[in-house]
């Protein structure tokens, strides 16, 4: 079985929309495209490349696939970070689109129709599936409990709104921290592996709660 690995650049308030460029994703009036670039440094680059250090395939939502397909095939691979262009152009690209209205002419591209197709591909033998961007797809992956590993690159900015990594409806799941690093510009880089079930309980148990505590709990139930 393959692993699904989600990699995401995040603001402190959890926004992952358009970190790389002003024209990347201005939907819903988002005005901060390219917000991560001023904080990009050598350590961040090294940690991002960890995602692509072995055999991998890309798993992308339709919008992110179109962003990548309009950029990486035309990138000057003699430039400083041309290696990522080489890796992306050679890799198999799985693009998830319910409508199927997507141009998959970028070499080694495979169209998937829905999350059931993703489940099927995950069960196959092959390279791990690395997700970049693709907010809607990421929400579906977390809701279906399909994420095996997570790498976050948290940048010290607050954006106040935008597409976020997590939405209500994610399947409850513990993730175990396997490595972390703080970069020279203050980015907090964290790598997680899928863990077990979320455990509840513990804390202080009061056998005879006060009248005030009884009233507090009753109010909480009324207010929902």
Protein backbone atom coordinates (compact mmCIF):
# COMPACT_ATOMS: atom_id res chain seq x y z
CA UNK A 1 0.00 0.00 0.00
CA UNK A 2 1.20 3.51 -0.79
CA UNK A 3 1.34 6.35 1.72
CA UNK A 4 -0.46 9.63 1.22
CA UNK A 5 1.74 12.48 2.44
CA UNK A 6 0.32 15.99 2.73
CA UNK A 7 2.79 18.88 2.58
CA UNK A 8 1.50 22.38 3.33
CA UNK A 9 2.87 25.87 3.85
CA UNK A 10 0.73 27.53 6.51
CA UNK A 11 0.27 30.89 8.15
CA UNK A 12 -0.06 31.01 11.93
CA UNK A 13 -3.83 31.08 11.51
CA UNK A 14 -3.80 27.99 9.33
CA UNK A 15 -4.18 29.54 5.86
CA UNK A 16 -2.52 27.65 2.98
CA UNK A 17 -3.91 29.63 0.03
CA UNK A 18 -1.51 30.97 -2.62
CA UNK A 19 1.78 30.93 -0.70
CA UNK A 20 3.92 31.13 -3.83
CA UNK A 21 2.69 33.96 -6.07
CA UNK A 22 0.26 36.83 -6.52
CA UNK A 23 -1.62 35.17 -9.40
CA UNK A 24 -1.58 31.68 -7.89
CA UNK A 25 -5.08 31.66 -6.37
CA UNK A 26 -6.92 34.97 -5.87
CA UNK A 27 -10.33 33.32 -5.42
CA UNK A 28 -12.72 34.76 -2.84
CA UNK A 29 -10.84 38.04 -2.98
CA UNK A 30 -7.63 36.71 -1.44
CA UNK A 31 -5.09 39.57 -1.56
CA UNK A 32 -1.94 38.04 -0.10
CA UNK A 33 -0.69 35.77 -2.88
CA UNK A 34 3.01 35.04 -2.41
CA UNK A 35 2.88 35.64 1.34
CA UNK A 36 5.44 32.91 2.15
CA UNK A 37 8.22 33.99 -0.19
CA UNK A 38 9.76 36.67 2.03
CA UNK A 39 10.33 33.97 4.66
CA UNK A 40 11.72 31.28 2.35
CA UNK A 41 15.25 30.31 3.32
CA UNK A 42 17.81 27.55 2.89
CA UNK A 43 16.48 25.40 5.72
CA UNK A 44 12.93 25.60 4.43
CA UNK A 45 14.10 24.58 0.97
CA UNK A 46 15.96 21.59 2.41
CA UNK A 47 12.91 20.45 4.35
CA UNK A 48 10.57 20.83 1.39
CA UNK A 49 12.93 18.73 -0.71
CA UNK A 50 12.65 15.96 1.88
CA UNK A 51 9.18 15.30 0.51
CA UNK A 52 10.67 14.54 -2.89
CA UNK A 53 13.88 12.76 -1.85
CA UNK A 54 12.75 9.31 -2.97
CA UNK A 55 10.29 7.82 -5.43
CA UNK A 56 7.03 9.72 -5.33
CA UNK A 57 3.96 10.58 -7.35
CA UNK A 58 2.01 13.80 -7.06
CA UNK A 59 -1.61 13.71 -5.94
CA UNK A 60 -3.30 17.01 -6.76
CA UNK A 61 -6.67 18.64 -6.89
CA UNK A 62 -7.76 20.10 -10.20
CA UNK A 63 -6.92 23.74 -9.42
CA UNK A 64 -3.43 23.01 -8.07
CA UNK A 65 -2.75 20.66 -10.99
CA UNK A 66 -3.63 23.47 -13.41
CA UNK A 67 -1.31 25.87 -11.56
CA UNK A 68 1.55 23.37 -11.74
CA UNK A 69 0.86 22.34 -15.36
CA UNK A 70 0.95 25.98 -16.47
CA UNK A 71 4.30 26.58 -14.78
CA UNK A 72 6.64 23.63 -14.25
CA UNK A 73 6.79 22.28 -17.84
CA UNK A 74 7.96 25.73 -18.96
CA UNK A 75 10.40 26.41 -16.13
CA UNK A 76 14.05 27.04 -17.01
CA UNK A 77 15.68 23.96 -15.52
CA UNK A 78 19.08 25.62 -15.61
CA UNK A 79 17.86 28.03 -12.92
CA UNK A 80 18.80 27.60 -9.27
CA UNK A 81 15.90 25.39 -8.22
CA UNK A 82 15.41 23.67 -11.55
CA UNK A 83 15.73 20.27 -9.89
CA UNK A 84 12.16 20.51 -8.59
CA UNK A 85 10.95 21.14 -12.13
CA UNK A 86 12.78 18.01 -13.29
CA UNK A 87 11.26 15.94 -10.49
CA UNK A 88 7.73 17.20 -11.09
CA UNK A 89 7.93 16.80 -14.86
CA UNK A 90 9.15 13.20 -14.54
CA UNK A 91 6.77 12.15 -11.76
CA UNK A 92 3.39 10.58 -12.27
CA UNK A 93 0.71 13.19 -11.58
CA UNK A 94 -2.69 12.01 -10.29
CA UNK A 95 -5.27 14.78 -10.64
CA UNK A 96 -8.64 14.44 -8.92
CA UNK A 97 -11.56 16.08 -10.72
CA UNK A 98 -15.19 15.09 -10.30
CA UNK A 99 -16.21 16.84 -13.52
CA UNK A 100 -13.26 15.51 -15.54
CA UNK A 101 -13.00 18.96 -17.13
CA UNK A 102 -9.22 19.22 -16.98
CA UNK A 103 -6.45 19.14 -19.59
CA UNK A 104 -4.20 16.21 -18.60
CA UNK A 105 -1.70 16.64 -21.43
CA UNK A 106 1.16 17.31 -19.00
CA UNK A 107 3.24 14.18 -19.35
CA UNK A 108 2.59 11.27 -16.99
CA UNK A 109 -0.77 12.67 -15.84
CA UNK A 110 -3.59 10.37 -14.71
CA UNK A 111 -7.17 11.52 -14.13
CA UNK A 112 -9.03 10.30 -11.03
CA UNK A 113 -12.74 10.93 -10.66
CA UNK A 114 -13.29 11.01 -6.90
CA UNK A 115 -12.08 9.98 -3.46
CA UNK A 116 -12.93 6.33 -4.17
CA UNK A 117 -10.41 6.39 -7.01
CA UNK A 118 -7.85 7.83 -4.59
CA UNK A 119 -8.55 4.96 -2.16
CA UNK A 120 -7.99 2.47 -4.97
CA UNK A 121 -4.68 4.01 -6.00
CA UNK A 122 -3.56 4.15 -2.35
CA UNK A 123 -4.13 0.41 -2.03
CA UNK A 124 -1.91 -0.32 -5.01
CA UNK A 125 1.81 -0.96 -4.88
CA UNK A 126 3.87 1.99 -6.02
CA UNK A 127 5.40 5.30 -5.07
CA UNK A 128 4.09 7.34 -2.18
CA UNK A 129 1.55 10.01 -3.10
CA UNK A 130 2.63 13.54 -2.16
CA UNK A 131 -0.06 16.22 -1.99
CA UNK A 132 0.72 19.89 -2.52
CA UNK A 133 -1.84 22.68 -2.19
CA UNK A 134 -5.20 21.17 -3.24
CA UNK A 135 -7.28 22.41 -0.31
CA UNK A 136 -10.56 20.75 -1.30
CA UNK A 137 -8.82 17.44 -1.91
CA UNK A 138 -6.92 17.70 1.39
CA UNK A 139 -10.18 18.24 3.27
CA UNK A 140 -11.61 15.11 1.64
CA UNK A 141 -8.49 13.11 2.49
CA UNK A 142 -8.67 14.08 6.16
CA UNK A 143 -12.42 13.46 6.27
CA UNK A 144 -11.86 9.96 4.83
CA UNK A 145 -8.92 9.29 7.21
CA UNK A 146 -6.54 8.67 4.29
CA UNK A 147 -3.58 10.84 5.36
CA UNK A 148 -0.58 8.76 6.43
CA UNK A 149 1.93 11.55 6.99
CA UNK A 150 1.87 15.33 7.24
CA UNK A 151 4.61 17.94 6.82
CA UNK A 152 3.77 21.52 7.75
CA UNK A 153 5.85 24.62 7.13
CA UNK A 154 4.39 27.25 9.45
CA UNK A 155 5.38 30.80 8.53
CA UNK A 156 5.14 33.55 11.18
CA UNK A 157 2.42 35.63 9.55
CA UNK A 158 -1.30 36.03 10.25
CA UNK A 159 -3.48 36.46 7.15
CA UNK A 160 -6.93 36.81 8.65
CA UNK A 161 -8.71 34.58 6.16
CA UNK A 162 -8.29 32.27 3.21
CA UNK A 163 -8.37 28.57 2.42
CA UNK A 164 -7.20 26.57 5.43
CA UNK A 165 -5.54 23.20 5.92
CA UNK A 166 -8.26 21.79 8.19
CA UNK A 167 -12.02 22.00 7.88
CA UNK A 168 -14.69 20.70 10.22
CA UNK A 169 -15.34 17.06 9.48
CA UNK A 170 -11.80 15.69 9.60
CA UNK A 171 -11.67 12.16 10.99
CA UNK A 172 -10.27 12.25 14.55
CA UNK A 173 -6.70 10.96 14.48
CA UNK A 174 -3.49 11.27 16.49
CA UNK A 175 -0.36 12.23 14.54
CA UNK A 176 3.09 11.56 15.97
CA UNK A 177 5.81 14.19 15.59
CA UNK A 178 8.84 12.58 13.90
CA UNK A 179 11.00 15.64 13.32
CA UNK A 180 11.00 19.42 13.63
CA UNK A 181 13.19 22.37 12.78
CA UNK A 182 13.11 26.15 13.10
CA UNK A 183 14.54 28.00 10.12
CA UNK A 184 16.56 31.21 10.12
CA UNK A 185 13.48 33.28 9.21
CA UNK A 186 11.37 31.72 11.97
CA UNK A 187 9.53 29.07 9.97
CA UNK A 188 8.50 26.10 12.11
CA UNK A 189 8.85 22.91 10.10
CA UNK A 190 7.17 19.80 11.51
CA UNK A 191 6.91 16.27 10.17
CA UNK A 192 4.23 13.89 11.44
CA UNK A 193 3.30 10.26 10.93
CA UNK A 194 -0.16 8.80 11.32
CA UNK A 195 -0.78 7.56 14.86
CA UNK A 196 -3.64 5.92 16.72
CA UNK A 197 -7.08 6.89 17.91
CA UNK A 198 -7.78 10.03 19.90
CA UNK A 199 -8.09 9.22 23.61
CA UNK A 200 -10.32 11.23 25.92
CA UNK A 201 -10.85 11.46 29.65
CA UNK A 202 -8.40 12.08 32.45
CA UNK A 203 -8.08 15.33 34.31
CA UNK A 204 -9.64 16.09 37.65
CA UNK A 205 -12.77 14.11 38.47
CA UNK A 206 -14.98 15.71 41.14
CA UNK A 207 -17.28 13.17 42.76
CA UNK A 208 -19.45 15.82 44.40
CA UNK A 209 -19.47 18.93 42.20
CA UNK A 210 -20.45 22.24 43.72
CA UNK A 211 -23.83 23.80 43.05
CA UNK A 212 -22.03 26.36 40.92
CA UNK A 213 -20.43 23.60 38.83
CA UNK A 214 -23.78 21.84 38.43
CA UNK A 215 -25.31 25.12 37.25
CA UNK A 216 -22.40 25.71 34.84
CA UNK A 217 -22.81 22.29 33.24
CA UNK A 218 -26.56 22.78 32.93
CA UNK A 219 -26.01 26.11 31.17
CA UNK A 220 -23.51 24.50 28.78
CA UNK A 221 -26.11 21.88 27.83
CA UNK A 222 -28.77 24.53 27.26
CA UNK A 223 -26.49 26.66 25.09
CA UNK A 224 -25.44 23.64 23.06
